[in-house]
mmCIF file of all heavy atoms, coordinates in Angstrom:
data_MODEL
# 
_entry.id   MODEL 
# 
loop_
_atom_site.group_PDB 
_atom_site.id 
_atom_site.type_symbol 
_atom_site.label_atom_id 
_atom_site.label_alt_id 
_atom_site.label_comp_id 
_atom_site.label_asym_id 
_atom_site.label_entity_id 
_atom_site.label_seq_id 
_atom_site.pdbx_PDB_ins_code 
_atom_site.Cartn_x 
_atom_site.Cartn_y 
_atom_site.Cartn_z 
_atom_site.occupancy 
_atom_site.B_iso_or_equiv 
_atom_site.pdbx_formal_charge 
_atom_site.auth_seq_id 
_atom_site.auth_comp_id 
_atom_site.auth_asym_id 
_atom_site.auth_atom_id 
_atom_site.pdbx_PDB_model_num 
ATOM 1   N N   . ASP A 1 1  ? 42.504 2.208  -117.696 1.00 0.00 ? 1  ASP A N   1 
ATOM 2   C CA  . ASP A 1 1  ? 41.452 2.024  -118.693 1.00 0.00 ? 1  ASP A CA  1 
ATOM 3   C C   . ASP A 1 1  ? 40.872 0.613  -118.659 1.00 0.00 ? 1  ASP A C   1 
ATOM 4   O O   . ASP A 1 1  ? 39.760 0.389  -119.132 1.00 0.00 ? 1  ASP A O   1 
ATOM 5   C CB  . ASP A 1 1  ? 41.997 2.300  -120.096 1.00 0.00 ? 1  ASP A CB  1 
ATOM 6   C CG  . ASP A 1 1  ? 42.253 3.778  -120.300 1.00 0.00 ? 1  ASP A CG  1 
ATOM 7   O OD1 . ASP A 1 1  ? 41.692 4.567  -119.518 1.00 0.00 ? 1  ASP A OD1 1 
ATOM 8   O OD2 . ASP A 1 1  ? 43.023 4.119  -121.217 1.00 0.00 ? 1  ASP A OD2 1 
ATOM 9   N N   . GLU A 1 2  ? 41.602 -0.365 -118.118 1.00 0.00 ? 2  GLU A N   1 
ATOM 10  C CA  . GLU A 1 2  ? 41.109 -1.720 -118.129 1.00 0.00 ? 2  GLU A CA  1 
ATOM 11  C C   . GLU A 1 2  ? 40.308 -2.041 -116.875 1.00 0.00 ? 2  GLU A C   1 
ATOM 12  O O   . GLU A 1 2  ? 39.831 -3.163 -116.706 1.00 0.00 ? 2  GLU A O   1 
ATOM 13  C CB  . GLU A 1 2  ? 42.287 -2.693 -118.239 1.00 0.00 ? 2  GLU A CB  1 
ATOM 14  C CG  . GLU A 1 2  ? 43.060 -2.542 -119.548 1.00 0.00 ? 2  GLU A CG  1 
ATOM 15  C CD  . GLU A 1 2  ? 44.217 -3.515 -119.611 1.00 0.00 ? 2  GLU A CD  1 
ATOM 16  O OE1 . GLU A 1 2  ? 44.431 -4.237 -118.606 1.00 0.00 ? 2  GLU A OE1 1 
ATOM 17  O OE2 . GLU A 1 2  ? 44.898 -3.565 -120.652 1.00 0.00 ? 2  GLU A OE2 1 
ATOM 18  N N   . THR A 1 3  ? 40.169 -1.062 -115.984 1.00 0.00 ? 3  THR A N   1 
ATOM 19  C CA  . THR A 1 3  ? 39.468 -1.302 -114.723 1.00 0.00 ? 3  THR A CA  1 
ATOM 20  C C   . THR A 1 3  ? 37.984 -1.039 -114.884 1.00 0.00 ? 3  THR A C   1 
ATOM 21  O O   . THR A 1 3  ? 37.582 -0.078 -115.517 1.00 0.00 ? 3  THR A O   1 
ATOM 22  C CB  . THR A 1 3  ? 40.037 -0.406 -113.615 1.00 0.00 ? 3  THR A CB  1 
ATOM 23  O OG1 . THR A 1 3  ? 41.445 -0.622 -113.550 1.00 0.00 ? 3  THR A OG1 1 
ATOM 24  C CG2 . THR A 1 3  ? 39.423 -0.752 -112.276 1.00 0.00 ? 3  THR A CG2 1 
ATOM 25  N N   . HIS A 1 4  ? 37.164 -1.884 -114.277 1.00 0.00 ? 4  HIS A N   1 
ATOM 26  C CA  . HIS A 1 4  ? 35.715 -1.731 -114.314 1.00 0.00 ? 4  HIS A CA  1 
ATOM 27  C C   . HIS A 1 4  ? 35.257 -1.181 -112.960 1.00 0.00 ? 4  HIS A C   1 
ATOM 28  O O   . HIS A 1 4  ? 35.506 -1.779 -111.920 1.00 0.00 ? 4  HIS A O   1 
ATOM 29  C CB  . HIS A 1 4  ? 35.062 -3.088 -114.569 1.00 0.00 ? 4  HIS A CB  1 
ATOM 30  C CG  . HIS A 1 4  ? 33.576 -3.023 -114.655 1.00 0.00 ? 4  HIS A CG  1 
ATOM 31  N ND1 . HIS A 1 4  ? 32.907 -2.617 -115.779 1.00 0.00 ? 4  HIS A ND1 1 
ATOM 32  C CD2 . HIS A 1 4  ? 32.621 -3.310 -113.731 1.00 0.00 ? 4  HIS A CD2 1 
ATOM 33  C CE1 . HIS A 1 4  ? 31.602 -2.677 -115.569 1.00 0.00 ? 4  HIS A CE1 1 
ATOM 34  N NE2 . HIS A 1 4  ? 31.411 -3.081 -114.317 1.00 0.00 ? 4  HIS A NE2 1 
ATOM 35  N N   . PHE A 1 5  ? 34.610 -0.026 -112.958 1.00 0.00 ? 5  PHE A N   1 
ATOM 36  C CA  . PHE A 1 5  ? 34.230 0.652  -111.725 1.00 0.00 ? 5  PHE A CA  1 
ATOM 37  C C   . PHE A 1 5  ? 32.730 0.586  -111.504 1.00 0.00 ? 5  PHE A C   1 
ATOM 38  O O   . PHE A 1 5  ? 31.948 0.682  -112.446 1.00 0.00 ? 5  PHE A O   1 
ATOM 39  C CB  . PHE A 1 5  ? 34.638 2.136  -111.767 1.00 0.00 ? 5  PHE A CB  1 
ATOM 40  C CG  . PHE A 1 5  ? 36.136 2.337  -111.731 1.00 0.00 ? 5  PHE A CG  1 
ATOM 41  C CD1 . PHE A 1 5  ? 36.818 2.710  -112.868 1.00 0.00 ? 5  PHE A CD1 1 
ATOM 42  C CD2 . PHE A 1 5  ? 36.825 2.156  -110.546 1.00 0.00 ? 5  PHE A CD2 1 
ATOM 43  C CE1 . PHE A 1 5  ? 38.178 2.889  -112.822 1.00 0.00 ? 5  PHE A CE1 1 
ATOM 44  C CE2 . PHE A 1 5  ? 38.185 2.343  -110.507 1.00 0.00 ? 5  PHE A CE2 1 
ATOM 45  C CZ  . PHE A 1 5  ? 38.868 2.712  -111.648 1.00 0.00 ? 5  PHE A CZ  1 
ATOM 46  N N   . VAL A 1 6  ? 32.356 0.439  -110.256 1.00 0.00 ? 6  VAL A N   1 
ATOM 47  C CA  . VAL A 1 6  ? 30.970 0.589  -109.834 1.00 0.00 ? 6  VAL A CA  1 
ATOM 48  C C   . VAL A 1 6  ? 30.909 1.807  -108.945 1.00 0.00 ? 6  VAL A C   1 
ATOM 49  O O   . VAL A 1 6  ? 31.542 1.846  -107.896 1.00 0.00 ? 6  VAL A O   1 
ATOM 50  C CB  . VAL A 1 6  ? 30.486 -0.659 -109.058 1.00 0.00 ? 6  VAL A CB  1 
ATOM 51  C CG1 . VAL A 1 6  ? 29.065 -0.450 -108.574 1.00 0.00 ? 6  VAL A CG1 1 
ATOM 52  C CG2 . VAL A 1 6  ? 30.585 -1.890 -109.934 1.00 0.00 ? 6  VAL A CG2 1 
ATOM 53  N N   . LEU A 1 7  ? 30.182 2.809  -109.365 1.00 0.00 ? 7  LEU A N   1 
ATOM 54  C CA  . LEU A 1 7  ? 30.136 4.044  -108.596 1.00 0.00 ? 7  LEU A CA  1 
ATOM 55  C C   . LEU A 1 7  ? 29.421 3.832  -107.275 1.00 0.00 ? 7  LEU A C   1 
ATOM 56  O O   . LEU A 1 7  ? 28.377 3.181  -107.236 1.00 0.00 ? 7  LEU A O   1 
ATOM 57  C CB  . LEU A 1 7  ? 29.417 5.138  -109.391 1.00 0.00 ? 7  LEU A CB  1 
ATOM 58  C CG  . LEU A 1 7  ? 30.128 5.592  -110.665 1.00 0.00 ? 7  LEU A CG  1 
ATOM 59  C CD1 . LEU A 1 7  ? 29.318 6.684  -111.343 1.00 0.00 ? 7  LEU A CD1 1 
ATOM 60  C CD2 . LEU A 1 7  ? 31.524 6.083  -110.374 1.00 0.00 ? 7  LEU A CD2 1 
ATOM 61  N N   . PRO A 1 8  ? 29.945 4.362  -106.164 1.00 0.00 ? 8  PRO A N   1 
ATOM 62  C CA  . PRO A 1 8  ? 29.295 4.209  -104.857 1.00 0.00 ? 8  PRO A CA  1 
ATOM 63  C C   . PRO A 1 8  ? 27.924 4.860  -104.834 1.00 0.00 ? 8  PRO A C   1 
ATOM 64  O O   . PRO A 1 8  ? 27.683 5.871  -105.495 1.00 0.00 ? 8  PRO A O   1 
ATOM 65  C CB  . PRO A 1 8  ? 30.252 4.929  -103.896 1.00 0.00 ? 8  PRO A CB  1 
ATOM 66  C CG  . PRO A 1 8  ? 31.557 4.996  -104.635 1.00 0.00 ? 8  PRO A CG  1 
ATOM 67  C CD  . PRO A 1 8  ? 31.208 5.090  -106.075 1.00 0.00 ? 8  PRO A CD  1 
ATOM 68  N N   . VAL A 1 9  ? 27.022 4.298  -104.047 1.00 0.00 ? 9  VAL A N   1 
ATOM 69  C CA  . VAL A 1 9  ? 25.682 4.851  -103.904 1.00 0.00 ? 9  VAL A CA  1 
ATOM 70  C C   . VAL A 1 9  ? 25.767 6.213  -103.229 1.00 0.00 ? 9  VAL A C   1 
ATOM 71  O O   . VAL A 1 9  ? 26.459 6.381  -102.232 1.00 0.00 ? 9  VAL A O   1 
ATOM 72  C CB  . VAL A 1 9  ? 24.798 3.907  -103.058 1.00 0.00 ? 9  VAL A CB  1 
ATOM 73  C CG1 . VAL A 1 9  ? 23.432 4.525  -102.844 1.00 0.00 ? 9  VAL A CG1 1 
ATOM 74  C CG2 . VAL A 1 9  ? 24.687 2.552  -103.738 1.00 0.00 ? 9  VAL A CG2 1 
ATOM 75  N N   . GLY A 1 10 ? 25.054 7.197  -103.746 1.00 0.00 ? 10 GLY A N   1 
ATOM 76  C CA  . GLY A 1 10 ? 25.048 8.537  -103.162 1.00 0.00 ? 10 GLY A CA  1 
ATOM 77  C C   . GLY A 1 10 ? 25.969 9.510  -103.859 1.00 0.00 ? 10 GLY A C   1 
ATOM 78  O O   . GLY A 1 10 ? 25.911 10.706 -103.591 1.00 0.00 ? 10 GLY A O   1 
ATOM 79  N N   . PHE A 1 11 ? 26.847 9.048  -104.747 1.00 0.00 ? 11 PHE A N   1 
ATOM 80  C CA  . PHE A 1 11 ? 27.731 9.951  -105.480 1.00 0.00 ? 11 PHE A CA  1 
ATOM 81  C C   . PHE A 1 11 ? 27.072 10.363 -106.791 1.00 0.00 ? 11 PHE A C   1 
ATOM 82  O O   . PHE A 1 11 ? 26.560 9.524  -107.536 1.00 0.00 ? 11 PHE A O   1 
ATOM 83  C CB  . PHE A 1 11 ? 29.077 9.280  -105.771 1.00 0.00 ? 11 PHE A CB  1 
ATOM 84  C CG  . PHE A 1 11 ? 29.977 9.230  -104.592 1.00 0.00 ? 11 PHE A CG  1 
ATOM 85  C CD1 . PHE A 1 11 ? 29.908 8.183  -103.684 1.00 0.00 ? 11 PHE A CD1 1 
ATOM 86  C CD2 . PHE A 1 11 ? 30.898 10.237 -104.356 1.00 0.00 ? 11 PHE A CD2 1 
ATOM 87  C CE1 . PHE A 1 11 ? 30.735 8.125  -102.589 1.00 0.00 ? 11 PHE A CE1 1 
ATOM 88  C CE2 . PHE A 1 11 ? 31.723 10.191 -103.263 1.00 0.00 ? 11 PHE A CE2 1 
ATOM 89  C CZ  . PHE A 1 11 ? 31.641 9.128  -102.371 1.00 0.00 ? 11 PHE A CZ  1 
ATOM 90  N N   . ASN A 1 12 ? 27.103 11.645 -107.042 1.00 0.00 ? 12 ASN A N   1 
ATOM 91  C CA  . ASN A 1 12 ? 26.490 12.202 -108.240 1.00 0.00 ? 12 ASN A CA  1 
ATOM 92  C C   . ASN A 1 12 ? 27.542 12.296 -109.329 1.00 0.00 ? 12 ASN A C   1 
ATOM 93  O O   . ASN A 1 12 ? 28.484 13.068 -109.222 1.00 0.00 ? 12 ASN A O   1 
ATOM 94  C CB  . ASN A 1 12 ? 25.930 13.593 -107.921 1.00 0.00 ? 12 ASN A CB  1 
ATOM 95  C CG  . ASN A 1 12 ? 25.130 14.162 -109.087 1.00 0.00 ? 12 ASN A CG  1 
ATOM 96  O OD1 . ASN A 1 12 ? 25.198 13.661 -110.205 1.00 0.00 ? 12 ASN A OD1 1 
ATOM 97  N ND2 . ASN A 1 12 ? 24.366 15.207 -108.806 1.00 0.00 ? 12 ASN A ND2 1 
ATOM 98  N N   . PRO A 1 13 ? 27.430 11.525 -110.407 1.00 0.00 ? 13 PRO A N   1 
ATOM 99  C CA  . PRO A 1 13 ? 28.458 11.529 -111.450 1.00 0.00 ? 13 PRO A CA  1 
ATOM 100 C C   . PRO A 1 13 ? 28.495 12.812 -112.258 1.00 0.00 ? 13 PRO A C   1 
ATOM 101 O O   . PRO A 1 13 ? 29.441 13.053 -112.995 1.00 0.00 ? 13 PRO A O   1 
ATOM 102 C CB  . PRO A 1 13 ? 28.068 10.330 -112.325 1.00 0.00 ? 13 PRO A CB  1 
ATOM 103 C CG  . PRO A 1 13 ? 26.602 10.181 -112.120 1.00 0.00 ? 13 PRO A CG  1 
ATOM 104 C CD  . PRO A 1 13 ? 26.346 10.572 -110.700 1.00 0.00 ? 13 PRO A CD  1 
ATOM 105 N N   . LEU A 1 14 ? 27.469 13.674 -112.149 1.00 0.00 ? 14 LEU A N   1 
ATOM 106 C CA  . LEU A 1 14 ? 27.457 14.909 -112.932 1.00 0.00 ? 14 LEU A CA  1 
ATOM 107 C C   . LEU A 1 14 ? 28.525 15.886 -112.458 1.00 0.00 ? 14 LEU A C   1 
ATOM 108 O O   . LEU A 1 14 ? 29.170 16.560 -113.248 1.00 0.00 ? 14 LEU A O   1 
ATOM 109 C CB  . LEU A 1 14 ? 26.070 15.553 -112.867 1.00 0.00 ? 14 LEU A CB  1 
ATOM 110 C CG  . LEU A 1 14 ? 24.927 14.726 -113.464 1.00 0.00 ? 14 LEU A CG  1 
ATOM 111 C CD1 . LEU A 1 14 ? 23.607 15.460 -113.279 1.00 0.00 ? 14 LEU A CD1 1 
ATOM 112 C CD2 . LEU A 1 14 ? 25.189 14.460 -114.946 1.00 0.00 ? 14 LEU A CD2 1 
ATOM 113 N N   . ASN A 1 15 ? 28.693 16.003 -111.157 1.00 0.00 ? 15 ASN A N   1 
ATOM 114 C CA  . ASN A 1 15 ? 29.719 16.926 -110.658 1.00 0.00 ? 15 ASN A CA  1 
ATOM 115 C C   . ASN A 1 15 ? 30.630 16.259 -109.636 1.00 0.00 ? 15 ASN A C   1 
ATOM 116 O O   . ASN A 1 15 ? 31.446 16.914 -109.010 1.00 0.00 ? 15 ASN A O   1 
ATOM 117 C CB  . ASN A 1 15 ? 29.069 18.176 -110.039 1.00 0.00 ? 15 ASN A CB  1 
ATOM 118 C CG  . ASN A 1 15 ? 28.003 17.797 -109.031 1.00 0.00 ? 15 ASN A CG  1 
ATOM 119 O OD1 . ASN A 1 15 ? 27.915 16.655 -108.598 1.00 0.00 ? 15 ASN A OD1 1 
ATOM 120 N ND2 . ASN A 1 15 ? 27.196 18.770 -108.657 1.00 0.00 ? 15 ASN A ND2 1 
ATOM 121 N N   . CYS A 1 16 ? 30.449 14.957 -109.446 1.00 0.00 ? 16 CYS A N   1 
ATOM 122 C CA  . CYS A 1 16 ? 31.358 14.165 -108.633 1.00 0.00 ? 16 CYS A CA  1 
ATOM 123 C C   . CYS A 1 16 ? 31.482 14.688 -107.217 1.00 0.00 ? 16 CYS A C   1 
ATOM 124 O O   . CYS A 1 16 ? 32.540 15.093 -106.777 1.00 0.00 ? 16 CYS A O   1 
ATOM 125 C CB  . CYS A 1 16 ? 32.732 14.113 -109.294 1.00 0.00 ? 16 CYS A CB  1 
ATOM 126 S SG  . CYS A 1 16 ? 33.762 12.767 -108.669 1.00 0.00 ? 16 CYS A SG  1 
ATOM 127 N N   . HIS A 1 17 ? 30.396 14.714 -106.473 1.00 0.00 ? 17 HIS A N   1 
ATOM 128 C CA  . HIS A 1 17 ? 30.450 15.057 -105.061 1.00 0.00 ? 17 HIS A CA  1 
ATOM 129 C C   . HIS A 1 17 ? 29.524 14.112 -104.308 1.00 0.00 ? 17 HIS A C   1 
ATOM 130 O O   . HIS A 1 17 ? 28.767 13.358 -104.903 1.00 0.00 ? 17 HIS A O   1 
ATOM 131 C CB  . HIS A 1 17 ? 30.053 16.513 -104.819 1.00 0.00 ? 17 HIS A CB  1 
ATOM 132 C CG  . HIS A 1 17 ? 28.608 16.795 -105.106 1.00 0.00 ? 17 HIS A CG  1 
ATOM 133 N ND1 . HIS A 1 17 ? 27.616 16.665 -104.171 1.00 0.00 ? 17 HIS A ND1 1 
ATOM 134 C CD2 . HIS A 1 17 ? 27.999 17.193 -106.254 1.00 0.00 ? 17 HIS A CD2 1 
ATOM 135 C CE1 . HIS A 1 17 ? 26.448 16.983 -104.712 1.00 0.00 ? 17 HIS A CE1 1 
ATOM 136 N NE2 . HIS A 1 17 ? 26.645 17.300 -105.968 1.00 0.00 ? 17 HIS A NE2 1 
ATOM 137 N N   . ALA A 1 18 ? 29.638 14.135 -103.000 1.00 0.00 ? 18 ALA A N   1 
ATOM 138 C CA  . ALA A 1 18 ? 28.892 13.187 -102.176 1.00 0.00 ? 18 ALA A CA  1 
ATOM 139 C C   . ALA A 1 18 ? 27.782 13.903 -101.437 1.00 0.00 ? 18 ALA A C   1 
ATOM 140 O O   . ALA A 1 18 ? 27.977 14.361 -100.324 1.00 0.00 ? 18 ALA A O   1 
ATOM 141 C CB  . ALA A 1 18 ? 29.829 12.505 -101.195 1.00 0.00 ? 18 ALA A CB  1 
ATOM 142 N N   . PRO A 1 19 ? 26.584 14.021 -102.002 1.00 0.00 ? 19 PRO A N   1 
ATOM 143 C CA  . PRO A 1 19 ? 25.517 14.773 -101.353 1.00 0.00 ? 19 PRO A CA  1 
ATOM 144 C C   . PRO A 1 19 ? 24.996 14.114 -100.088 1.00 0.00 ? 19 PRO A C   1 
ATOM 145 O O   . PRO A 1 19 ? 24.389 14.753 -99.264  1.00 0.00 ? 19 PRO A O   1 
ATOM 146 C CB  . PRO A 1 19 ? 24.430 14.834 -102.430 1.00 0.00 ? 19 PRO A CB  1 
ATOM 147 C CG  . PRO A 1 19 ? 24.687 13.647 -103.293 1.00 0.00 ? 19 PRO A CG  1 
ATOM 148 C CD  . PRO A 1 19 ? 26.168 13.468 -103.300 1.00 0.00 ? 19 PRO A CD  1 
ATOM 149 N N   . SER A 1 20 ? 25.205 12.805 -99.921  1.00 0.00 ? 20 SER A N   1 
ATOM 150 C CA  . SER A 1 20 ? 24.683 12.116 -98.747  1.00 0.00 ? 20 SER A CA  1 
ATOM 151 C C   . SER A 1 20 ? 25.676 12.072 -97.596  1.00 0.00 ? 20 SER A C   1 
ATOM 152 O O   . SER A 1 20 ? 25.370 11.541 -96.542  1.00 0.00 ? 20 SER A O   1 
ATOM 153 C CB  . SER A 1 20 ? 24.289 10.677 -99.117  1.00 0.00 ? 20 SER A CB  1 
ATOM 154 O OG  . SER A 1 20 ? 25.429 9.956  -99.549  1.00 0.00 ? 20 SER A OG  1 
ATOM 155 N N   . ASP A 1 21 ? 26.873 12.595 -97.782  1.00 0.00 ? 21 ASP A N   1 
ATOM 156 C CA  . ASP A 1 21 ? 27.891 12.564 -96.747  1.00 0.00 ? 21 ASP A CA  1 
ATOM 157 C C   . ASP A 1 21 ? 28.442 13.965 -96.558  1.00 0.00 ? 21 ASP A C   1 
ATOM 158 O O   . ASP A 1 21 ? 28.988 14.560 -97.481  1.00 0.00 ? 21 ASP A O   1 
ATOM 159 C CB  . ASP A 1 21 ? 29.025 11.608 -97.142  1.00 0.00 ? 21 ASP A CB  1 
ATOM 160 C CG  . ASP A 1 21 ? 29.895 11.253 -95.964  1.00 0.00 ? 21 ASP A CG  1 
ATOM 161 O OD1 . ASP A 1 21 ? 30.296 12.179 -95.237  1.00 0.00 ? 21 ASP A OD1 1 
ATOM 162 O OD2 . ASP A 1 21 ? 30.173 10.062 -95.763  1.00 0.00 ? 21 ASP A OD2 1 
ATOM 163 N N   . GLU A 1 22 ? 28.291 14.500 -95.331  1.00 0.00 ? 22 GLU A N   1 
ATOM 164 C CA  . GLU A 1 22 ? 28.679 15.887 -95.076  1.00 0.00 ? 22 GLU A CA  1 
ATOM 165 C C   . GLU A 1 22 ? 30.169 16.062 -94.898  1.00 0.00 ? 22 GLU A C   1 
ATOM 166 O O   . GLU A 1 22 ? 30.689 17.172 -94.985  1.00 0.00 ? 22 GLU A O   1 
ATOM 167 C CB  . GLU A 1 22 ? 27.966 16.406 -93.815  1.00 0.00 ? 22 GLU A CB  1 
ATOM 168 C CG  . GLU A 1 22 ? 26.453 16.400 -93.886  1.00 0.00 ? 22 GLU A CG  1 
ATOM 169 C CD  . GLU A 1 22 ? 25.882 15.062 -93.472  1.00 0.00 ? 22 GLU A CD  1 
ATOM 170 O OE1 . GLU A 1 22 ? 26.667 14.140 -93.152  1.00 0.00 ? 22 GLU A OE1 1 
ATOM 171 O OE2 . GLU A 1 22 ? 24.647 14.923 -93.469  1.00 0.00 ? 22 GLU A OE2 1 
ATOM 172 N N   . ILE A 1 23 ? 30.901 14.978 -94.634  1.00 0.00 ? 23 ILE A N   1 
ATOM 173 C CA  . ILE A 1 23 ? 32.321 15.092 -94.333  1.00 0.00 ? 23 ILE A CA  1 
ATOM 174 C C   . ILE A 1 23 ? 33.182 14.874 -95.560  1.00 0.00 ? 23 ILE A C   1 
ATOM 175 O O   . ILE A 1 23 ? 34.193 15.538 -95.745  1.00 0.00 ? 23 ILE A O   1 
ATOM 176 C CB  . ILE A 1 23 ? 32.698 14.086 -93.227  1.00 0.00 ? 23 ILE A CB  1 
ATOM 177 C CG1 . ILE A 1 23 ? 31.963 14.446 -91.934  1.00 0.00 ? 23 ILE A CG1 1 
ATOM 178 C CG2 . ILE A 1 23 ? 34.191 14.059 -92.971  1.00 0.00 ? 23 ILE A CG2 1 
ATOM 179 C CD1 . ILE A 1 23 ? 32.225 13.501 -90.795  1.00 0.00 ? 23 ILE A CD1 1 
ATOM 180 N N   . SER A 1 24 ? 32.782 13.942 -96.438  1.00 0.00 ? 24 SER A N   1 
ATOM 181 C CA  . SER A 1 24 ? 33.624 13.536 -97.562  1.00 0.00 ? 24 SER A CA  1 
ATOM 182 C C   . SER A 1 24 ? 33.290 14.298 -98.827  1.00 0.00 ? 24 SER A C   1 
ATOM 183 O O   . SER A 1 24 ? 32.246 14.938 -98.952  1.00 0.00 ? 24 SER A O   1 
ATOM 184 C CB  . SER A 1 24 ? 33.467 12.025 -97.804  1.00 0.00 ? 24 SER A CB  1 
ATOM 185 O OG  . SER A 1 24 ? 33.770 11.304 -96.646  1.00 0.00 ? 24 SER A OG  1 
ATOM 186 N N   . SER A 1 25 ? 34.222 14.200 -99.771  1.00 0.00 ? 25 SER A N   1 
ATOM 187 C CA  . SER A 1 25 ? 34.029 14.741 -101.110 1.00 0.00 ? 25 SER A CA  1 
ATOM 188 C C   . SER A 1 25 ? 34.428 13.662 -102.107 1.00 0.00 ? 25 SER A C   1 
ATOM 189 O O   . SER A 1 25 ? 34.790 12.544 -101.728 1.00 0.00 ? 25 SER A O   1 
ATOM 190 C CB  . SER A 1 25 ? 34.870 15.995 -101.326 1.00 0.00 ? 25 SER A CB  1 
ATOM 191 O OG  . SER A 1 25 ? 36.248 15.676 -101.307 1.00 0.00 ? 25 SER A OG  1 
ATOM 192 N N   . CYS A 1 26 ? 34.389 14.002 -103.379 1.00 0.00 ? 26 CYS A N   1 
ATOM 193 C CA  . CYS A 1 26 ? 34.779 13.035 -104.396 1.00 0.00 ? 26 CYS A CA  1 
ATOM 194 C C   . CYS A 1 26 ? 36.239 12.652 -104.260 1.00 0.00 ? 26 CYS A C   1 
ATOM 195 O O   . CYS A 1 26 ? 36.615 11.497 -104.436 1.00 0.00 ? 26 CYS A O   1 
ATOM 196 C CB  . CYS A 1 26 ? 34.529 13.632 -105.782 1.00 0.00 ? 26 CYS A CB  1 
ATOM 197 S SG  . CYS A 1 26 ? 35.132 12.616 -107.149 1.00 0.00 ? 26 CYS A SG  1 
ATOM 198 N N   . LYS A 1 27 ? 37.072 13.592 -103.865 1.00 0.00 ? 27 LYS A N   1 
ATOM 199 C CA  . LYS A 1 27 ? 38.518 13.354 -103.844 1.00 0.00 ? 27 LYS A CA  1 
ATOM 200 C C   . LYS A 1 27 ? 39.041 12.865 -102.506 1.00 0.00 ? 27 LYS A C   1 
ATOM 201 O O   . LYS A 1 27 ? 40.060 12.185 -102.459 1.00 0.00 ? 27 LYS A O   1 
ATOM 202 C CB  . LYS A 1 27 ? 39.254 14.634 -104.235 1.00 0.00 ? 27 LYS A CB  1 
ATOM 203 C CG  . LYS A 1 27 ? 39.052 15.057 -105.679 1.00 0.00 ? 27 LYS A CG  1 
ATOM 204 C CD  . LYS A 1 27 ? 39.907 16.262 -106.011 1.00 0.00 ? 27 LYS A CD  1 
ATOM 205 C CE  . LYS A 1 27 ? 39.772 16.656 -107.474 1.00 0.00 ? 27 LYS A CE  1 
ATOM 206 N NZ  . LYS A 1 27 ? 40.636 17.813 -107.816 1.00 0.00 ? 27 LYS A NZ  1 
ATOM 207 N N   . ALA A 1 28 ? 38.389 13.238 -101.412 1.00 0.00 ? 28 ALA A N   1 
ATOM 208 C CA  . ALA A 1 28 ? 38.980 12.954 -100.100 1.00 0.00 ? 28 ALA A CA  1 
ATOM 209 C C   . ALA A 1 28 ? 37.918 12.560 -99.086  1.00 0.00 ? 28 ALA A C   1 
ATOM 210 O O   . ALA A 1 28 ? 36.759 12.969 -99.184  1.00 0.00 ? 28 ALA A O   1 
ATOM 211 C CB  . ALA A 1 28 ? 39.748 14.177 -99.594  1.00 0.00 ? 28 ALA A CB  1 
ATOM 212 N N   . MET A 1 29 ? 38.331 11.763 -98.121  1.00 0.00 ? 29 MET A N   1 
ATOM 213 C CA  . MET A 1 29 ? 37.435 11.393 -97.040  1.00 0.00 ? 29 MET A CA  1 
ATOM 214 C C   . MET A 1 29 ? 37.069 12.605 -96.201  1.00 0.00 ? 29 MET A C   1 
ATOM 215 O O   . MET A 1 29 ? 35.920 12.775 -95.793  1.00 0.00 ? 29 MET A O   1 
ATOM 216 C CB  . MET A 1 29 ? 38.082 10.328 -96.151  1.00 0.00 ? 29 MET A CB  1 
ATOM 217 C CG  . MET A 1 29 ? 37.210 9.895  -94.984  1.00 0.00 ? 29 MET A CG  1 
ATOM 218 S SD  . MET A 1 29 ? 38.041 8.744  -93.876  1.00 0.00 ? 29 MET A SD  1 
ATOM 219 C CE  . MET A 1 29 ? 38.275 7.364  -94.977  1.00 0.00 ? 29 MET A CE  1 
# 
């Protein structure tokens, strides 16, 4: 809770997936 996060560019916070990367997902490379 004390950590400050900057979300990576290209990740959609609504459903947490990587639309700009065909190989990776929110959870795994």
